[in-house]
């Protein structure tokens, strides 16, 4: 019996989550063990490859390139709307891992290109069709042709694992940010920004090896345009946290060296103290790395997620999670 539906998005530099039943960019591969465990509880999971990630890329020069972060937000909003149409009456949750956590958060909070996210300058807009190549121009043209994205359906909750919601702003990073904006215009594809060290993804060496070997992953430094767009996404999300009006679960490892646990704490605290008083909860797993669903604690992480979904929408079952 189908009790809940989760539409989830990951990052372009993480082990890719195979979907159980949905993939707008590719033919679905076999379901992952994690998603299968959720399916056993009546929880259907749908996933797609982000723009610039996985099989969404036809030109390798565009892999790992995000011309505008709002393209990712619109894609996920569309995926959620389609899922709701195809499963009417089933509680819908929005999920995101790592960078996908930022995108899911922006969708849930109604963020994107708007007053809380200063749009690129005219030179940035012009450069989108030239400096970033055909992919940016095509994506922008498609977005304009299709009109505004569909309204987000009613959500039963927001589920975030190791979300990249911000970085810890040191004086050096603050000084470098304007330079990053310039590089994103001049050399958008240049891989100049230090990013994920595969060794910090997971304690399981087999998971790290699989990540390195997957030709559809983007391994190594982040492209200048993508890094700048993520910073713009961080700035857009921060002031919106207090708007959250649906339950939220954030799971994080305290040994995560890729995403910021303090940023996740700030988000949960702001959401809980906001006007809507959202039921936001942070569950921290001692000693866990970034890839919670692939690490030694994966069974416990899945149990916590199942319990939470069961409480707020359907599915789950079993003992109440200890948090």
Foldseek 3Di string as FASTA:
>chain_A
DAAAEEEEEEDLAAPDQFAPDEEPQDDGDHHDPLQVVQVVLNYHYYYYYFCLFFNNDPDVLSRLADLAVLLRLLVSQQVQVVVCVVVPPHAYEYEYAAQRLLSSLCNLLVHGDDDQFPDDDPLSVVLQPPQSHDVSVVSVVVDVVVDDRDRRDDHLEYEYELYALDDDDDVVNVVCLVVLVVCCRVHQSDQDAFADDLVQAEPDVVSSVVSVPDPRHDDGGHGSSSVNNSNSSNSRNLVRLLVRQHEYEYEYEPSEPHHDPVSVVSSQVSNCPHPNNHNYDYHYDYPTYRNCCPYPNNVLVSLQVQLVCCVRIRGHDDDHRDD
